[in-house]
Amino acid sequence: MAAPAAARRVWRFWGPRDGPSTLRAFSTIIPRVSQVDNSSDFLGNVPHRRHPGVLHLRSVRLPAELVKAAQLLVEQSTMHGLKDQVVALTNYLWSRKRPLEASELQRRGQQLEQQLREKVQPHTADASSPLTDAEKEKLQRRVLNRLRKTTYHWEALRYTDELSLVYMAARLDGGFAAVSRAFHEIQKRVPAFAPRTLLDFGSGTGSVSWAAHGAWGQTLREYLCVDSSAPMLTLAERLLQGGSESPQTPLFPGVYFRQFLPVSPKVKFDVVVSAFSLNELPSLAERRETIQTLWRKTDGFLVLVENGTKEGHQMLMEAREIVLGGGDKVLHDPREAHVFAPCPHHLPCPRLNPERPLPCNYLQAYHPLPFHWNPALKEELFSFLILRRGPGEGEEPWPRITQAVLGCARHVHCHLCCADGSLQHAVITARRHGRAAPAHPELHRLLCSGGLPGRLPHAHGGRRADRHPGGAGQAAAAGEMEQRHTGPPCSSSVAHTVQG
């Protein structure tokens, strides 16, 4: 019998990448049964494509004025080999890691010294006897040699006029797309939010201001761009003026450029953003101080965006612990921090398993700058974190879909991060969660539609979990990684889960 049209669409878009065996492998993960909300009409009279859980954003296009300004700046430049420099900088920024702390470096040195000590010391000598001067010198050389080869060497980036232009050509469009997706989350879930002020820390080319103008341009009156690089601020200002070398009227008003954050704690902003900037801070102490300062200046939402790598995700979880853990000596605002997105809980991230950490990242399609080396469409892989002032009352504790939905003829596979801090694998079937289901919740149709949801209506977890008393160090206590069941393939129409 022919599959339903909606199921055929899902198969075409999200069908098995490696053949039917892939889906059969997924369908064997059935250690326990979840409670997918099949008893309430969560759609009501709202079309399934407009359900509040649908957070999909179509391919992002940069404003035409911004594209024209960027092209003009490249045409005016006398730089040679721009394409190769763009590729090199893109790869470098993607593989960039946090600087190693002095205490961690010392620990690694001591561990290496202990491992190499026996090799340097003669086997016939007593292991507890002191080393000779020659042996100490040899051991020290070997330890330093090994540390140089195995330790990431972080260096601060100094953005000159040339490097700023390369950064614009490499990252303006992708950064704009990632921030636009984060802003879309706020717009979709809090449509009444109308910010008047915005602070962009590490503003770079000013892509955050452009994205904010596209989202809330009718209400925003002040955009404060803070960046330590004077050449980068000059480039951002020229983009705002259409790329002209001579001073022109800005394409939209209210944008101010500074090299330092406002000192007064009384100066607050409705939206505070730090996009791809935390990795430029030289130590954990500076990251902690910066995050606390940005949170003190947040009156509404704090938006953090980083690369969709393990390193980027871990930096965001580090920032989340700093904000949720408090620690400010002076309480400037009594309202508590609330994780708005993407986490549906305040517990440690279940994907940060010590044995196999996985990044929580998302893809956003966008149309890149029309340079000859760019394709017509690209995708930005990024991680983000949105924190909100206040308790978050009225927020539905719906799970977050953490991976691409996999569909076949009669059931759809979803990987969820739930309000109880667990990772789950749910199977939504046409029979139990389709039009013929009790109360017609149409979960199956919602997942088969073009606009895939970012959050899934789901009763598991009940309510948002409180903060984990053990902090990030006990992330493994939130659950174990996926375990495969040895039973028969999934033929049942209930939703099955795997606790992660």
Protein backbone atom coordinates (compact mmCIF):
# COMPACT_ATOMS: atom_id res chain seq x y z
CA MET A 1 0.00 0.00 0.00
CA ALA A 2 1.30 3.43 -0.89
CA ALA A 3 2.57 5.56 1.96
CA PRO A 4 0.67 8.78 2.84
CA ALA A 5 1.82 11.89 0.99
CA ALA A 6 3.13 13.55 4.17
CA ALA A 7 5.17 10.47 5.06
CA ARG A 8 6.59 10.32 1.53
CA ARG A 9 7.72 13.95 1.88
CA VAL A 10 9.49 13.15 5.14
CA TRP A 11 11.16 10.13 3.54
CA ARG A 12 12.35 12.26 0.64
CA PHE A 13 13.85 14.96 2.91
CA TRP A 14 14.96 12.97 5.95
CA GLY A 15 15.15 9.44 4.57
CA PRO A 16 17.95 7.04 5.55
CA ARG A 17 21.39 8.27 4.54
CA ASP A 18 22.90 4.79 4.64
CA GLY A 19 19.92 2.63 3.64
CA PRO A 20 17.06 1.03 5.64
CA SER A 21 19.45 -0.53 8.15
CA THR A 22 20.04 2.94 9.65
CA LEU A 23 16.39 3.37 10.60
CA ARG A 24 16.16 -0.20 11.88
CA ALA A 25 19.10 0.55 14.16
CA PHE A 26 17.32 3.61 15.52
CA SER A 27 14.09 1.68 16.01
CA THR A 28 15.79 -0.82 18.34
CA ILE A 29 16.47 1.83 21.00
CA ILE A 30 13.49 1.08 23.25
CA PRO A 31 14.49 0.82 26.90
CA ARG A 32 11.36 2.52 28.28
CA VAL A 33 8.21 4.35 27.23
CA SER A 34 7.71 8.12 27.44
CA GLN A 35 4.53 10.14 27.83
CA VAL A 36 4.14 12.07 24.59
CA ASP A 37 1.21 14.43 25.04
CA ASN A 38 -1.56 12.62 23.16
CA SER A 39 -4.49 13.70 25.34
CA SER A 40 -4.70 17.46 24.78
CA ASP A 41 -5.52 19.42 21.64
CA PHE A 42 -2.31 21.45 21.74
CA LEU A 43 -2.90 22.86 18.25
CA GLY A 44 -6.39 24.13 18.92
CA ASN A 45 -7.49 26.19 15.93
CA VAL A 46 -3.90 27.12 15.02
CA PRO A 47 -2.57 25.65 11.74
CA HIS A 48 0.13 23.09 12.40
CA ARG A 49 2.69 25.15 10.48
CA ARG A 50 2.10 28.06 12.88
CA HIS A 51 2.31 26.05 16.07
CA PRO A 52 4.40 27.88 18.75
CA GLY A 53 6.84 24.98 18.83
CA VAL A 54 7.80 25.58 15.19
CA LEU A 55 10.98 27.68 15.29
CA HIS A 56 12.28 26.91 11.82
CA LEU A 57 13.70 29.94 10.01
CA ARG A 58 13.94 29.85 6.24
CA SER A 59 17.12 30.71 4.40
CA VAL A 60 18.41 34.02 5.74
CA ARG A 61 19.23 36.83 3.32
CA LEU A 62 21.46 39.73 4.25
CA PRO A 63 19.98 43.21 3.73
CA ALA A 64 20.65 44.44 0.20
CA GLU A 65 22.36 47.58 1.55
CA LEU A 66 24.76 45.49 3.62
CA VAL A 67 25.61 43.23 0.68
CA LYS A 68 26.27 46.24 -1.53
CA ALA A 69 28.47 47.88 1.12
CA ALA A 70 30.53 44.70 1.64
CA GLN A 71 31.05 44.30 -2.11
CA LEU A 72 32.13 47.94 -2.40
CA LEU A 73 34.72 47.52 0.38
CA VAL A 74 36.20 44.46 -1.33
CA GLU A 75 36.31 46.25 -4.70
CA GLN A 76 38.10 49.24 -3.13
CA SER A 77 40.70 46.98 -1.51
CA THR A 78 44.06 46.32 -3.13
CA MET A 79 44.50 43.01 -1.28
CA HIS A 80 45.59 40.01 -3.35
CA GLY A 81 44.60 36.40 -2.72
CA LEU A 82 41.51 37.29 -0.70
CA LYS A 83 39.86 33.93 -1.34
CA ASP A 84 42.78 31.95 0.10
CA GLN A 85 42.96 34.24 3.13
CA VAL A 86 39.21 33.85 3.71
CA VAL A 87 39.49 30.04 3.65
CA ALA A 88 42.52 30.07 5.99
CA LEU A 89 40.87 32.42 8.50
CA THR A 90 37.60 30.47 8.43
CA ASN A 91 39.40 27.20 9.19
CA TYR A 92 41.47 28.82 11.92
CA LEU A 93 38.46 30.36 13.67
CA TRP A 94 36.54 27.09 13.47
CA SER A 95 39.36 25.09 15.08
CA ARG A 96 40.15 27.75 17.70
CA LYS A 97 40.10 26.62 21.33
CA ARG A 98 40.13 28.29 24.71
CA PRO A 99 43.52 29.22 26.16
CA LEU A 100 44.87 26.64 28.58
CA GLU A 101 44.82 27.74 32.20
CA ALA A 102 48.15 27.93 34.07
CA SER A 103 46.96 25.42 36.68
CA GLU A 104 45.99 22.92 33.99
CA LEU A 105 49.33 23.39 32.24
CA GLN A 106 51.15 22.77 35.51
CA ARG A 107 49.09 19.63 36.16
CA ARG A 108 49.90 18.26 32.71
CA GLY A 109 53.60 19.02 33.21
CA GLN A 110 53.68 17.17 36.52
CA GLN A 111 51.86 14.21 34.99
CA LEU A 112 54.30 14.05 32.09
CA GLU A 113 57.26 14.36 34.45
CA GLN A 114 55.99 11.43 36.47
CA GLN A 115 55.54 9.32 33.32
CA LEU A 116 58.98 10.17 31.90
CA ARG A 117 60.92 10.03 35.15
CA GLU A 118 61.41 6.28 35.06
CA LYS A 119 62.60 6.41 31.45
CA VAL A 120 65.22 9.06 32.22
CA GLN A 121 66.36 7.48 35.48
CA PRO A 122 68.53 4.33 35.12
CA HIS A 123 66.56 1.16 35.78
CA THR A 124 69.16 -0.06 38.19
CA ALA A 125 68.89 2.98 40.44
CA ASP A 126 66.48 3.35 43.30
CA ALA A 127 63.25 4.96 42.10
CA SER A 128 63.12 7.22 45.16
CA SER A 129 66.71 8.47 44.77
CA PRO A 130 67.19 12.05 43.52
CA LEU A 131 68.10 12.64 39.89
CA THR A 132 71.47 13.94 38.87
CA ASP A 133 71.76 17.39 37.26
CA ALA A 134 72.17 15.84 33.83
CA GLU A 135 69.09 13.65 34.33
CA LYS A 136 67.04 16.61 35.54
CA GLU A 137 68.01 18.65 32.52
CA LYS A 138 67.17 15.80 30.17
CA LEU A 139 63.82 15.24 31.88
CA GLN A 140 62.96 18.93 31.72
CA ARG A 141 63.73 19.06 27.98
CA ARG A 142 61.55 16.05 27.27
CA VAL A 143 58.63 17.41 29.31
CA LEU A 144 58.77 20.79 27.55
CA ASN A 145 59.09 19.09 24.19
CA ARG A 146 56.03 16.93 24.81
CA LEU A 147 54.01 19.90 26.11
CA ARG A 148 54.81 21.93 22.99
CA LYS A 149 53.55 19.11 20.78
CA THR A 150 50.39 18.29 22.73
CA THR A 151 49.24 21.69 24.03
CA TYR A 152 47.09 24.11 22.05
CA HIS A 153 48.91 27.42 21.65
CA TRP A 154 46.33 30.18 21.98
CA GLU A 155 47.23 33.58 20.60
CA ALA A 156 45.27 36.82 20.70
CA LEU A 157 44.12 37.97 17.28
CA ARG A 158 45.18 41.50 16.38
CA TYR A 159 42.73 42.80 13.80
CA THR A 160 44.48 45.17 11.42
CA ASP A 161 42.72 46.88 8.50
CA GLU A 162 43.59 43.95 6.22
CA LEU A 163 42.59 41.21 8.66
CA SER A 164 39.33 43.02 9.45
CA LEU A 165 38.44 43.00 5.76
CA VAL A 166 39.25 39.28 5.50
CA TYR A 167 37.08 38.64 8.57
CA MET A 168 34.21 40.57 6.98
CA ALA A 169 34.44 38.51 3.78
CA ALA A 170 34.64 35.27 5.80
CA ARG A 171 32.21 35.72 8.66
CA LEU A 172 29.78 38.59 8.05
CA ASP A 173 27.09 36.44 6.42
CA GLY A 174 27.41 33.36 8.65
CA GLY A 175 27.44 35.43 11.84
CA PHE A 176 24.39 37.36 10.65
CA ALA A 177 22.51 34.09 9.99
CA ALA A 178 23.31 32.58 13.41
CA VAL A 179 22.30 35.71 15.33
CA SER A 180 19.15 36.08 13.22
CA ARG A 181 18.15 32.54 14.21
CA ALA A 182 18.66 33.34 17.90
CA PHE A 183 16.62 36.54 17.60
CA HIS A 184 13.90 34.60 15.76
CA GLU A 185 13.54 32.37 18.82
CA ILE A 186 12.73 35.40 20.99
CA GLN A 187 10.42 36.90 18.38
CA LYS A 188 8.45 33.70 17.95
CA ARG A 189 8.04 32.86 21.63
CA VAL A 190 7.71 36.39 23.03
CA PRO A 191 6.02 38.37 20.24
CA ALA A 192 5.21 41.26 22.59
CA PHE A 193 8.88 41.89 23.37
CA ALA A 194 9.85 45.29 21.92
CA PRO A 195 13.40 46.24 22.92
CA ARG A 196 14.59 49.81 22.76
CA THR A 197 18.30 49.34 23.55
CA LEU A 198 20.91 46.77 22.48
CA LEU A 199 24.50 46.10 23.57
CA ASP A 200 26.77 44.11 21.27
CA PHE A 201 29.98 42.96 22.99
CA GLY A 202 32.73 42.02 20.54
CA SER A 203 30.69 43.63 17.77
CA GLY A 204 33.21 43.02 14.96
CA THR A 205 31.63 43.90 11.63
CA GLY A 206 28.35 44.96 13.27
CA SER A 207 26.32 42.01 11.98
CA VAL A 208 24.43 41.81 15.30
CA SER A 209 23.15 45.37 14.90
CA TRP A 210 22.02 44.61 11.35
CA ALA A 211 20.21 41.45 12.51
CA ALA A 212 18.60 43.29 15.43
CA HIS A 213 17.50 46.08 13.11
CA GLY A 214 15.82 43.50 10.89
CA ALA A 215 14.05 41.96 13.88
CA TRP A 216 13.10 45.00 15.99
CA GLY A 217 14.04 47.99 13.85
CA GLN A 218 10.75 49.76 14.59
CA THR A 219 11.37 49.92 18.34
CA LEU A 220 15.16 49.89 18.78
CA ARG A 221 16.56 53.36 19.42
CA GLU A 222 20.11 52.60 20.58
CA TYR A 223 22.69 50.08 19.33
CA LEU A 224 25.93 50.17 21.33
CA CYS A 225 28.74 48.26 19.57
CA VAL A 226 31.76 47.48 21.76
CA ASP A 227 34.96 46.07 20.28
CA SER A 228 38.59 46.42 21.40
CA SER A 229 39.82 46.65 17.78
CA ALA A 230 39.74 50.18 16.37
CA PRO A 231 40.17 48.96 12.73
CA MET A 232 37.20 46.62 13.16
CA LEU A 233 35.04 49.46 14.50
CA THR A 234 36.06 51.60 11.54
CA LEU A 235 35.07 48.82 9.14
CA ALA A 236 31.69 48.35 10.87
CA GLU A 237 31.04 52.08 10.64
CA ARG A 238 31.86 52.10 6.94
CA LEU A 239 29.46 49.20 6.36
CA LEU A 240 26.78 51.20 8.15
CA GLN A 241 27.48 54.12 5.82
CA GLY A 242 27.16 52.02 2.68
CA GLY A 243 30.87 51.30 2.22
CA SER A 244 31.75 54.86 1.29
CA GLU A 245 35.18 56.21 2.22
CA SER A 246 33.77 59.66 2.99
CA PRO A 247 31.40 60.12 5.96
CA GLN A 248 27.80 59.48 4.97
CA THR A 249 24.46 59.31 6.74
CA PRO A 250 24.11 55.87 8.42
CA LEU A 251 21.69 53.46 6.79
CA PHE A 252 19.83 53.32 10.12
CA PRO A 253 20.28 55.66 13.09
CA GLY A 254 21.17 55.15 16.74
CA VAL A 255 24.36 53.08 16.31
CA TYR A 256 27.30 54.01 18.55
CA PHE A 257 30.81 52.52 18.56
CA ARG A 258 32.99 52.16 21.66
CA GLN A 259 36.15 50.27 22.64
CA PHE A 260 35.10 49.69 26.26
CA LEU A 261 31.96 48.61 28.07
CA PRO A 262 30.02 51.23 30.05
CA VAL A 263 31.38 51.35 33.59
CA SER A 264 28.22 52.21 35.51
CA PRO A 265 26.17 49.16 36.59
CA LYS A 266 23.03 51.31 36.33
CA VAL A 267 23.34 51.39 32.53
CA LYS A 268 21.24 48.46 31.27
CA PHE A 269 20.06 47.23 27.90
CA ASP A 270 16.99 45.31 26.83
CA VAL A 271 19.10 42.92 24.73
CA VAL A 272 22.77 42.10 25.36
CA VAL A 273 24.62 40.00 22.78
CA SER A 274 28.04 38.36 22.60
CA ALA A 275 28.53 36.55 19.29
CA PHE A 276 31.73 34.57 18.62
CA SER A 277 33.64 36.65 21.18
CA LEU A 278 34.15 34.55 24.33
CA ASN A 279 37.01 32.65 22.73
CA GLU A 280 38.94 35.90 22.30
CA LEU A 281 39.28 36.33 26.08
CA PRO A 282 42.65 35.09 27.39
CA SER A 283 41.59 33.29 30.58
CA LEU A 284 38.72 31.78 32.54
CA ALA A 285 38.90 34.64 35.02
CA GLU A 286 38.35 37.18 32.25
CA ARG A 287 35.53 35.15 30.74
CA ARG A 288 33.87 34.92 34.14
CA GLU A 289 34.22 38.65 34.78
CA THR A 290 32.94 39.51 31.29
CA ILE A 291 29.92 37.20 31.55
CA GLN A 292 29.00 38.64 34.96
CA THR A 293 29.35 42.18 33.59
CA LEU A 294 27.18 41.41 30.59
CA TRP A 295 24.54 39.82 32.81
CA ARG A 296 24.54 42.84 35.13
CA LYS A 297 23.81 45.01 32.09
CA THR A 298 20.98 42.76 30.90
CA ASP A 299 17.47 44.02 31.51
CA GLY A 300 15.71 41.53 29.25
CA PHE A 301 17.66 38.91 27.29
CA LEU A 302 21.32 37.89 27.19
CA VAL A 303 22.13 36.17 23.88
CA LEU A 304 25.38 34.21 23.51
CA VAL A 305 26.39 32.62 20.19
CA GLU A 306 29.49 30.53 19.45
CA ASN A 307 30.76 28.02 16.89
CA GLY A 308 28.86 24.74 16.81
CA THR A 309 31.88 22.79 18.05
CA LYS A 310 32.52 21.02 21.35
CA GLU A 311 34.63 24.00 22.38
CA GLY A 312 31.89 26.50 21.55
CA HIS A 313 29.22 24.50 23.34
CA GLN A 314 31.39 24.05 26.43
CA MET A 315 32.05 27.80 26.60
CA LEU A 316 28.31 28.45 26.54
CA MET A 317 27.67 25.90 29.29
CA GLU A 318 30.49 27.51 31.27
CA ALA A 319 28.74 30.88 30.88
CA ARG A 320 25.41 29.34 31.88
CA GLU A 321 26.88 28.00 35.12
CA ILE A 322 28.42 31.40 35.87
CA VAL A 323 25.09 33.20 35.48
CA LEU A 324 22.90 30.59 37.19
CA GLY A 325 25.40 30.16 40.01
CA GLY A 326 25.33 33.88 40.87
CA GLY A 327 28.42 34.93 42.77
CA ASP A 328 28.08 38.68 42.32
CA LYS A 329 29.31 40.51 45.39
CA VAL A 330 26.72 43.22 44.83
CA LEU A 331 23.19 42.29 43.79
CA HIS A 332 22.24 44.87 41.16
CA ASP A 333 18.98 43.21 40.12
CA PRO A 334 16.94 40.86 42.34
CA ARG A 335 15.35 39.06 39.37
CA GLU A 336 16.71 35.56 38.91
CA ALA A 337 18.26 34.17 35.74
CA HIS A 338 16.09 31.93 33.60
CA VAL A 339 17.35 29.73 30.74
CA PHE A 340 15.13 30.72 27.83
CA ALA A 341 16.72 28.65 25.04
CA PRO A 342 17.71 26.13 23.96
CA CYS A 343 17.74 24.22 27.26
CA PRO A 344 14.29 23.31 28.70
CA HIS A 345 15.85 22.95 32.18
CA HIS A 346 18.46 24.39 34.54
CA LEU A 347 20.28 21.10 35.06
CA PRO A 348 23.76 20.33 33.70
CA CYS A 349 23.75 19.63 29.98
CA PRO A 350 23.25 15.87 29.44
CA ARG A 351 25.32 16.04 26.25
CA LEU A 352 28.44 16.96 28.25
CA ASN A 353 29.08 13.35 29.17
CA PRO A 354 32.71 13.00 30.36
CA GLU A 355 33.20 9.82 28.33
CA ARG A 356 31.66 11.11 25.08
CA PRO A 357 30.82 14.83 25.05
CA LEU A 358 28.65 15.95 22.17
CA PRO A 359 28.04 19.56 21.12
CA CYS A 360 24.51 20.95 21.13
CA ASN A 361 24.46 22.77 17.81
CA TYR A 362 22.05 23.92 15.13
CA LEU A 363 22.11 24.55 11.38
CA GLN A 364 20.86 27.71 9.73
CA ALA A 365 20.75 28.08 5.95
CA TYR A 366 21.64 31.44 4.46
CA HIS A 367 22.53 33.16 1.21
CA PRO A 368 26.20 34.17 1.48
CA LEU A 369 27.82 37.30 0.15
CA PRO A 370 27.92 37.09 -3.67
CA PHE A 371 31.66 36.61 -4.02
CA HIS A 372 32.82 34.28 -6.78
CA TRP A 373 34.11 31.65 -4.33
CA ASN A 374 30.79 31.34 -2.46
CA PRO A 375 28.00 28.92 -3.47
CA ALA A 376 24.41 30.10 -3.82
CA LEU A 377 23.43 28.66 -0.43
CA LYS A 378 25.43 27.81 2.69
CA GLU A 379 24.70 26.55 6.21
CA GLU A 380 26.01 27.93 9.49
CA LEU A 381 26.62 25.41 12.27
CA PHE A 382 26.41 27.23 15.60
CA SER A 383 25.55 26.88 19.28
CA PHE A 384 23.59 29.47 21.20
CA LEU A 385 22.32 30.27 24.68
CA ILE A 386 19.59 32.75 25.64
CA LEU A 387 19.17 33.79 29.27
CA ARG A 388 16.28 35.92 30.51
CA ARG A 389 15.66 38.06 33.54
CA GLY A 390 12.78 36.71 35.59
CA PRO A 391 11.37 33.34 36.64
CA GLY A 392 10.08 32.38 33.19
CA GLU A 393 6.46 31.97 34.25
CA GLY A 394 4.10 30.75 31.59
CA GLU A 395 6.84 28.96 29.62
CA GLU A 396 5.83 25.52 28.38
CA PRO A 397 8.44 22.91 29.45
CA TRP A 398 8.44 21.32 26.02
CA PRO A 399 11.51 19.30 25.04
CA ARG A 400 13.97 20.65 22.51
CA ILE A 401 14.61 18.68 19.32
CA THR A 402 18.40 18.30 19.29
CA GLN A 403 18.96 16.51 15.96
CA ALA A 404 17.46 16.40 12.50
CA VAL A 405 14.16 14.51 12.48
CA LEU A 406 14.42 11.12 10.78
CA GLY A 407 11.29 9.96 9.01
CA CYS A 408 10.06 6.83 7.33
CA ALA A 409 6.70 5.71 5.94
CA ARG A 410 4.78 5.34 9.20
CA HIS A 411 6.84 6.81 12.01
CA VAL A 412 9.17 9.72 12.74
CA HIS A 413 12.22 9.61 15.02
CA CYS A 414 12.97 12.59 17.29
CA HIS A 415 15.91 13.12 19.63
CA LEU A 416 14.83 15.31 22.52
CA CYS A 417 16.36 17.17 25.46
CA CYS A 418 13.64 17.12 28.12
CA ALA A 419 12.69 19.25 31.12
CA ASP A 420 13.96 16.61 33.57
CA GLY A 421 17.50 16.91 32.16
CA SER A 422 17.43 13.67 30.16
CA LEU A 423 18.05 12.91 26.51
CA GLN A 424 15.28 10.90 24.89
CA HIS A 425 14.58 9.21 21.58
CA ALA A 426 10.86 9.46 20.75
CA VAL A 427 9.09 7.68 17.91
CA ILE A 428 5.97 9.47 16.66
CA THR A 429 3.62 7.32 14.60
CA ALA A 430 0.83 8.23 12.21
CA ARG A 431 -1.60 5.86 13.95
CA ARG A 432 -1.25 7.13 17.53
CA HIS A 433 -0.22 10.73 16.86
CA GLY A 434 -1.99 11.53 13.60
CA ARG A 435 -5.40 12.86 12.65
CA ALA A 436 -7.20 9.73 13.83
CA ALA A 437 -5.66 9.94 17.32
CA PRO A 438 -7.75 10.94 20.35
CA ALA A 439 -8.23 14.71 20.53
CA HIS A 440 -6.42 15.00 17.17
CA PRO A 441 -3.12 16.42 18.41
CA GLU A 442 -1.56 15.80 14.97
CA LEU A 443 1.99 15.41 16.25
CA HIS A 444 2.86 13.28 13.24
CA ARG A 445 1.59 15.91 10.82
CA LEU A 446 3.45 18.64 12.68
CA LEU A 447 6.74 16.77 12.25
CA CYS A 448 6.03 15.94 8.61
CA SER A 449 5.39 19.56 7.65
CA GLY A 450 8.00 21.73 5.97
CA GLY A 451 8.57 23.91 9.04
CA LEU A 452 10.03 21.43 11.50
CA PRO A 453 9.53 22.34 15.17
CA GLY A 454 12.35 23.31 17.48
CA ARG A 455 10.29 22.23 20.50
CA LEU A 456 7.91 19.28 20.67
CA PRO A 457 4.66 19.17 22.74
CA HIS A 458 5.45 16.49 25.28
CA ALA A 459 4.29 15.66 28.79
CA HIS A 460 7.50 14.02 30.03
CA GLY A 461 9.32 15.90 32.74
CA GLY A 462 6.16 17.69 33.92
CA ARG A 463 7.78 21.02 34.73
CA ARG A 464 11.14 22.70 34.43
CA ALA A 465 13.66 21.06 36.72
CA ASP A 466 15.46 23.12 39.34
CA ARG A 467 19.15 23.82 39.15
CA HIS A 468 21.41 20.89 39.75
CA PRO A 469 23.01 21.22 43.20
CA GLY A 470 26.24 19.63 42.03
CA GLY A 471 26.95 22.06 39.19
CA ALA A 472 28.46 21.18 35.84
CA GLY A 473 30.81 18.65 37.40
CA GLN A 474 27.89 16.26 37.92
CA ALA A 475 26.58 16.41 34.36
CA ALA A 476 26.99 12.65 34.10
CA ALA A 477 24.43 12.23 36.91
CA ALA A 478 21.73 13.57 34.60
CA GLY A 479 21.87 10.27 32.72
CA GLU A 480 23.96 7.86 30.70
CA MET A 481 24.53 7.79 26.97
CA GLU A 482 22.19 5.93 24.62
CA GLN A 483 21.92 2.19 25.12
CA ARG A 484 20.64 -0.14 22.42
CA HIS A 485 17.86 -2.62 23.18
CA THR A 486 18.25 -6.14 21.86
CA GLY A 487 14.52 -6.69 21.35
CA PRO A 488 12.56 -6.63 18.08
CA PRO A 489 12.40 -3.57 15.82
CA CYS A 490 9.98 -0.78 16.68
CA SER A 491 6.55 -1.79 15.39
CA SER A 492 4.52 -0.35 18.25
CA SER A 493 2.82 3.01 17.77
CA VAL A 494 3.66 4.42 21.18
CA ALA A 495 6.55 6.85 21.58
CA HIS A 496 9.69 5.16 22.85
CA THR A 497 12.55 6.91 24.54
CA VAL A 498 16.11 6.43 25.58
CA GLN A 499 17.41 8.26 28.59
CA GLY A 500 20.69 9.97 27.88
